[in-house]
């Protein structure tokens, strides 16, 4: 599935960030929810963002990892929260897939997309000591025997990307889901899985240590950080995905708080220190304001539903 944006520009408490510049924010502490375990993509994203965002908002920011249900537990906690500026959630395609693939008590319809910050390219990787030197090597194994591929959780875009790759290549591979990117990476490193799919920021430390080998990117173009890594599309398979990273709020957030968040996020996005950090992680800035983000999510839902119906996953 190829998702195109019409918009240009882009239970564990572990981290606190304090501001020396109060901005009349209505609460002293903000809790940012993520469905990721510590070390997963959304967890890493929030922790780095919070270092700069807390100064803009003038509030302490706490990251809360709410795992379970492929994001359903985190969405439910946000949906039940008071819209007073004290609780938010890190959005990725997972909160859409979870809503469409199951029947959770609360879905994407029960929360409010606030702003988007990035598009996050997905990379296919293997262990550095694996026998796979290319994606074609992985596909050859799956054609001859049975491949073992890994994704972060059952309702993740990574899982759907690998299912699309199976359809595009006609290979026989089992796609095994995990509770998070960290668990997935362990099983790639120890040879249990042939490949995994993840973002550059969560793979970075193991890439620097020489423990992982990148095979391809699922983005539409090659990545500046890894110019030698081909796209899956270049290799002859029409699989392109785009993972968004943004923020959602409980429904009913006051307009003045929405404006405060929009301004704070825009200020953070042009902070030179934060820019250096997110560009090093290969995050692609794509700020989308509150009104346009609601439209973007609605369009994403329609395209995702269409794809899932076309392959018989939902009726």
Protein backbone atom coordinates (compact mmCIF):
# COMPACT_ATOMS: atom_id res chain seq x y z
CA UNK A 1 0.00 0.00 0.00
CA UNK A 2 1.36 3.40 -0.97
CA UNK A 3 0.13 6.20 1.25
CA UNK A 4 0.60 9.67 -0.17
CA UNK A 5 0.39 12.84 1.86
CA UNK A 6 -1.08 16.00 0.43
CA UNK A 7 0.80 18.02 2.98
CA UNK A 8 4.35 19.19 2.59
CA UNK A 9 6.78 20.05 5.43
CA UNK A 10 6.48 17.14 7.64
CA UNK A 11 3.11 0.50 32.73
CA UNK A 12 6.59 2.36 33.11
CA UNK A 13 7.73 5.87 33.95
CA UNK A 14 11.33 6.36 32.92
CA UNK A 15 12.11 9.93 31.91
CA UNK A 16 11.41 13.47 33.08
CA UNK A 17 12.41 16.76 31.52
CA UNK A 18 12.18 20.09 33.35
CA UNK A 19 11.63 23.56 31.96
CA UNK A 20 13.21 26.75 33.18
CA UNK A 21 10.90 28.88 31.05
CA UNK A 22 7.25 28.71 32.21
CA UNK A 23 4.76 29.37 29.39
CA UNK A 24 1.51 29.53 31.41
CA UNK A 25 0.67 25.95 30.59
CA UNK A 26 -2.39 24.86 32.61
CA UNK A 27 -0.75 21.80 34.26
CA UNK A 28 2.68 21.19 35.75
CA UNK A 29 3.10 17.63 34.42
CA UNK A 30 2.27 16.17 31.01
CA UNK A 31 2.12 12.41 30.49
CA UNK A 32 2.98 11.20 27.01
CA UNK A 33 1.64 7.70 26.31
CA UNK A 34 3.17 5.22 23.91
CA UNK A 35 2.25 1.66 23.05
CA UNK A 36 5.96 0.90 22.55
CA UNK A 37 8.18 -0.75 25.10
CA UNK A 38 11.30 1.14 26.21
CA UNK A 39 13.69 1.27 23.26
CA UNK A 40 10.96 0.95 20.63
CA UNK A 41 10.52 3.55 17.90
CA UNK A 42 7.76 5.61 19.53
CA UNK A 43 9.47 5.43 22.91
CA UNK A 44 12.75 6.77 21.47
CA UNK A 45 10.86 9.45 19.52
CA UNK A 46 9.01 10.73 22.61
CA UNK A 47 12.03 10.77 24.87
CA UNK A 48 14.07 12.85 22.47
CA UNK A 49 11.16 15.18 21.66
CA UNK A 50 10.43 15.73 25.36
CA UNK A 51 13.91 17.13 25.99
CA UNK A 52 12.96 20.17 23.91
CA UNK A 53 9.17 20.26 24.13
CA UNK A 54 9.11 20.62 27.91
CA UNK A 55 10.99 23.91 27.61
CA UNK A 56 8.50 25.24 25.07
CA UNK A 57 5.45 24.29 27.12
CA UNK A 58 6.91 25.03 30.55
CA UNK A 59 5.89 21.66 32.02
CA UNK A 60 7.53 18.45 33.14
CA UNK A 61 7.00 15.66 30.62
CA UNK A 62 6.79 12.01 31.65
CA UNK A 63 6.84 9.11 29.22
CA UNK A 64 4.47 6.25 30.07
CA UNK A 65 4.80 2.93 28.25
CA UNK A 66 1.33 1.36 28.02
CA UNK A 67 1.90 -1.95 26.25
CA UNK A 68 -0.66 -4.56 25.29
CA UNK A 69 -3.33 -4.92 22.66
CA UNK A 70 -1.16 -3.48 19.87
CA UNK A 71 -1.90 0.01 21.11
CA UNK A 72 -5.48 -0.62 22.27
CA UNK A 73 -4.59 -0.12 25.95
CA UNK A 74 -2.84 3.19 25.28
CA UNK A 75 -5.68 4.46 23.09
CA UNK A 76 -8.20 3.53 25.79
CA UNK A 77 -6.26 5.43 28.45
CA UNK A 78 -6.10 8.52 26.26
CA UNK A 79 -9.80 8.32 25.31
CA UNK A 80 -10.77 8.23 29.00
CA UNK A 81 -8.47 11.13 29.96
CA UNK A 82 -9.68 14.61 30.85
CA UNK A 83 -8.87 17.04 27.99
CA UNK A 84 -6.98 19.46 30.23
CA UNK A 85 -3.58 19.24 28.56
CA UNK A 86 -2.18 16.61 30.91
CA UNK A 87 -2.22 13.50 28.68
CA UNK A 88 -1.32 12.79 25.06
CA UNK A 89 -0.38 9.82 22.86
CA UNK A 90 2.28 9.22 20.20
CA UNK A 91 0.45 8.39 16.97
CA UNK A 92 1.73 5.97 14.35
CA UNK A 93 -0.19 3.85 11.81
CA UNK A 94 -0.54 1.24 14.58
CA UNK A 95 -3.43 3.10 16.19
CA UNK A 96 -5.30 2.92 12.86
CA UNK A 97 -4.47 -0.73 12.12
CA UNK A 98 -5.44 -1.80 15.65
CA UNK A 99 -8.80 -0.09 15.28
CA UNK A 100 -9.50 -1.67 11.89
CA UNK A 101 -8.21 -5.18 12.53
CA UNK A 102 -9.95 -5.74 15.87
CA UNK A 103 -12.84 -4.35 17.85
CA UNK A 104 -11.22 -2.48 20.74
CA UNK A 105 -13.36 -0.72 23.32
CA UNK A 106 -11.85 2.55 22.08
CA UNK A 107 -10.56 3.26 18.58
CA UNK A 108 -8.93 6.05 16.59
CA UNK A 109 -12.42 7.63 16.42
CA UNK A 110 -12.37 8.23 20.17
CA UNK A 111 -9.22 10.39 20.21
CA UNK A 112 -8.26 13.58 18.40
CA UNK A 113 -5.24 13.75 16.02
CA UNK A 114 -3.43 16.88 17.19
CA UNK A 115 -0.34 17.44 15.01
CA UNK A 116 2.09 15.42 12.93
CA UNK A 117 5.86 15.86 13.14
CA UNK A 118 7.61 13.29 10.93
CA UNK A 119 7.51 10.59 8.37
CA UNK A 120 9.73 7.74 9.49
CA UNK A 121 11.29 5.48 6.81
CA UNK A 122 11.17 1.73 7.40
CA UNK A 123 14.25 -0.45 6.90
CA UNK A 124 14.58 -4.19 6.33
CA UNK A 125 17.53 -5.57 8.28
CA UNK A 126 19.26 -8.81 9.22
CA UNK A 127 22.01 -9.84 11.61
CA UNK A 128 25.50 -8.91 10.43
CA UNK A 129 26.60 -12.55 10.77
CA UNK A 130 23.59 -13.95 8.90
CA UNK A 131 24.06 -15.60 5.47
CA UNK A 132 21.85 -12.96 3.82
CA UNK A 133 23.82 -10.37 1.87
CA UNK A 134 20.82 -8.97 0.01
CA UNK A 135 17.03 -8.97 0.09
CA UNK A 136 17.09 -11.39 -2.83
CA UNK A 137 19.00 -13.88 -0.64
CA UNK A 138 16.18 -13.67 1.91
CA UNK A 139 13.57 -14.19 -0.79
CA UNK A 140 15.47 -17.17 -2.25
CA UNK A 141 15.36 -18.91 1.12
CA UNK A 142 11.63 -18.22 1.41
CA UNK A 143 11.07 -19.62 -2.08
CA UNK A 144 13.05 -22.80 -1.40
CA UNK A 145 12.02 -23.54 2.20
CA UNK A 146 10.16 -21.16 4.50
CA UNK A 147 11.24 -17.71 5.58
CA UNK A 148 10.91 -16.38 9.11
CA UNK A 149 10.30 -12.63 9.14
CA UNK A 150 9.61 -10.38 12.12
CA UNK A 151 7.47 -7.31 12.83
CA UNK A 152 6.93 -5.24 15.95
CA UNK A 153 3.29 -6.11 16.73
CA UNK A 154 0.27 -7.68 15.00
CA UNK A 155 -1.34 -4.34 14.07
CA UNK A 156 1.81 -2.52 12.98
CA UNK A 157 2.51 -1.02 9.59
CA UNK A 158 5.69 -3.12 9.60
CA UNK A 159 3.59 -6.28 9.78
CA UNK A 160 1.43 -5.12 6.88
CA UNK A 161 4.52 -4.13 4.87
CA UNK A 162 5.93 -7.64 5.19
CA UNK A 163 2.58 -9.17 4.24
CA UNK A 164 2.60 -6.92 1.15
CA UNK A 165 6.14 -8.05 0.37
CA UNK A 166 5.01 -11.68 0.53
CA UNK A 167 2.20 -10.96 -1.93
CA UNK A 168 4.47 -8.99 -4.27
CA UNK A 169 7.14 -11.71 -4.35
CA UNK A 170 4.99 -14.81 -4.02
CA UNK A 171 7.24 -16.33 -1.36
CA UNK A 172 6.41 -18.57 1.56
CA UNK A 173 7.33 -16.71 4.74
CA UNK A 174 5.88 -16.65 8.23
CA UNK A 175 5.57 -13.12 9.65
CA UNK A 176 6.02 -13.31 13.41
CA UNK A 177 4.77 -10.44 15.59
CA UNK A 178 6.40 -9.15 18.78
CA UNK A 179 5.53 -6.78 21.61
CA UNK A 180 7.96 -4.16 20.37
CA UNK A 181 10.96 -3.34 18.23
CA UNK A 182 13.44 -4.30 20.94
CA UNK A 183 12.07 -7.84 21.26
CA UNK A 184 12.04 -8.16 17.48
CA UNK A 185 15.66 -7.06 17.16
CA UNK A 186 16.82 -9.64 19.71
CA UNK A 187 15.33 -12.44 17.61
CA UNK A 188 17.01 -11.12 14.46
CA UNK A 189 20.36 -10.81 16.22
CA UNK A 190 20.21 -14.35 17.62
CA UNK A 191 19.29 -15.84 14.23
CA UNK A 192 15.74 -16.89 15.12
CA UNK A 193 14.43 -14.60 12.39
CA UNK A 194 15.83 -14.01 8.91
CA UNK A 195 14.85 -10.34 8.82
CA UNK A 196 13.07 -7.63 10.74
CA UNK A 197 11.61 -4.23 9.87
CA UNK A 198 12.34 -1.11 11.92
CA UNK A 199 13.21 2.58 11.93
CA UNK A 200 16.73 3.99 11.78
CA UNK A 201 16.50 5.52 15.26
CA UNK A 202 15.78 2.20 16.98
CA UNK A 203 18.41 0.36 14.92
CA UNK A 204 21.13 3.00 15.23
CA UNK A 205 23.07 1.64 18.21
CA UNK A 206 23.26 -1.89 16.78
CA UNK A 207 24.20 -0.54 13.35
CA UNK A 208 27.02 1.47 14.90
CA UNK A 209 28.15 -1.64 16.77
CA UNK A 210 28.27 -3.56 13.49
CA UNK A 211 25.68 -6.08 14.68
CA UNK A 212 23.09 -5.45 11.96
CA UNK A 213 23.13 -5.34 8.16
CA UNK A 214 20.61 -3.24 6.21
CA UNK A 215 19.14 -4.90 3.12
CA UNK A 216 16.55 -2.46 1.76
CA UNK A 217 14.29 0.46 2.59
CA UNK A 218 10.53 0.51 2.15
CA UNK A 219 10.55 4.25 1.41
CA UNK A 220 9.92 5.71 -2.04
CA UNK A 221 13.50 6.94 -2.42
CA UNK A 222 16.89 6.03 -1.02
CA UNK A 223 17.77 7.55 2.34
CA UNK A 224 20.47 10.20 2.66
CA UNK A 225 21.89 8.45 5.73
CA UNK A 226 22.16 5.13 3.84
CA UNK A 227 22.58 6.02 0.15
CA UNK A 228 23.93 2.58 -0.71
CA UNK A 229 20.78 0.79 0.50
CA UNK A 230 18.28 0.16 -2.33
CA UNK A 231 14.54 0.64 -2.06
CA UNK A 232 12.31 -2.43 -2.31
CA UNK A 233 10.73 -0.72 -5.30
CA UNK A 234 14.12 -0.46 -7.03
CA UNK A 235 14.54 -4.19 -6.55
CA UNK A 236 11.39 -4.77 -8.58
CA UNK A 237 8.68 -5.11 -5.94
CA UNK A 238 5.94 -2.47 -5.65
CA UNK A 239 5.90 -2.10 -1.87
CA UNK A 240 6.22 1.44 -0.52
CA UNK A 241 5.06 2.50 2.94
CA UNK A 242 5.16 5.77 4.83
CA UNK A 243 5.04 5.78 8.61
CA UNK A 244 3.85 8.97 10.27
CA UNK A 245 4.76 10.14 13.78
CA UNK A 246 2.54 12.62 15.52
CA UNK A 247 0.57 13.40 18.65
CA UNK A 248 -3.06 12.71 19.61
CA UNK A 249 -5.11 14.29 22.40
CA UNK A 250 -8.32 13.38 24.20
CA UNK A 251 -11.37 14.74 22.43
CA UNK A 252 -12.41 18.18 23.62
CA UNK A 253 -9.00 19.80 24.05
CA UNK A 254 -9.64 23.57 24.30
CA UNK A 255 -8.77 25.61 21.18
CA UNK A 256 -6.22 27.69 23.09
CA UNK A 257 -4.33 24.53 24.08
CA UNK A 258 -4.42 23.27 20.49
CA UNK A 259 -2.84 26.55 19.37
CA UNK A 260 -0.25 26.33 22.15
CA UNK A 261 0.75 22.83 21.04
CA UNK A 262 0.88 23.81 17.38
CA UNK A 263 3.19 26.71 18.17
CA UNK A 264 5.35 24.67 20.54
CA UNK A 265 5.82 21.86 18.03
CA UNK A 266 6.74 24.28 15.24
CA UNK A 267 9.28 25.98 17.51
CA UNK A 268 10.80 22.64 18.50
CA UNK A 269 11.03 21.49 14.88
CA UNK A 270 13.33 24.41 14.01
CA UNK A 271 15.44 24.13 17.16
CA UNK A 272 18.97 23.51 15.76
CA UNK A 273 19.84 20.93 18.42
CA UNK A 274 16.67 18.96 17.86
CA UNK A 275 17.08 19.23 14.08
CA UNK A 276 20.54 17.72 14.34
CA UNK A 277 19.12 14.89 16.45
CA UNK A 278 16.16 13.96 14.29
CA UNK A 279 18.04 14.30 11.02
CA UNK A 280 20.73 11.97 12.39
CA UNK A 281 17.93 9.49 13.09
CA UNK A 282 16.75 9.89 9.48
CA UNK A 283 13.37 11.26 10.54
CA UNK A 284 11.85 13.35 7.77
CA UNK A 285 10.15 16.50 9.07
CA UNK A 286 6.55 16.83 7.94
CA UNK A 287 4.63 19.17 10.23
CA UNK A 288 0.85 18.99 9.78
CA UNK A 289 -1.38 21.26 11.85
CA UNK A 290 -4.43 20.14 13.78
CA UNK A 291 -7.09 20.68 11.11
CA UNK A 292 -5.02 19.20 8.30
CA UNK A 293 -3.88 16.27 10.45
CA UNK A 294 -7.50 15.26 11.01
CA UNK A 295 -7.98 15.22 7.22
CA UNK A 296 -4.71 13.30 6.75
CA UNK A 297 -5.79 10.62 9.25
CA UNK A 298 -9.23 10.30 7.63
CA UNK A 299 -7.57 9.81 4.23
CA UNK A 300 -5.12 7.30 5.70
CA UNK A 301 -8.02 5.32 7.20
CA UNK A 302 -9.84 5.19 3.85
CA UNK A 303 -6.75 4.00 1.98
CA UNK A 304 -5.91 1.46 4.69
CA UNK A 305 -9.45 0.08 4.77
CA UNK A 306 -9.39 -0.23 0.98
CA UNK A 307 -6.12 -2.18 1.07
CA UNK A 308 -7.22 -4.50 3.90
CA UNK A 309 -10.47 -5.29 2.05
CA UNK A 310 -8.65 -5.88 -1.23
CA UNK A 311 -6.54 -8.64 0.32
CA UNK A 312 -9.42 -10.14 2.30
CA UNK A 313 -8.16 -9.22 5.76
CA UNK A 314 -11.37 -7.35 6.63
CA UNK A 315 -14.80 -7.51 5.03
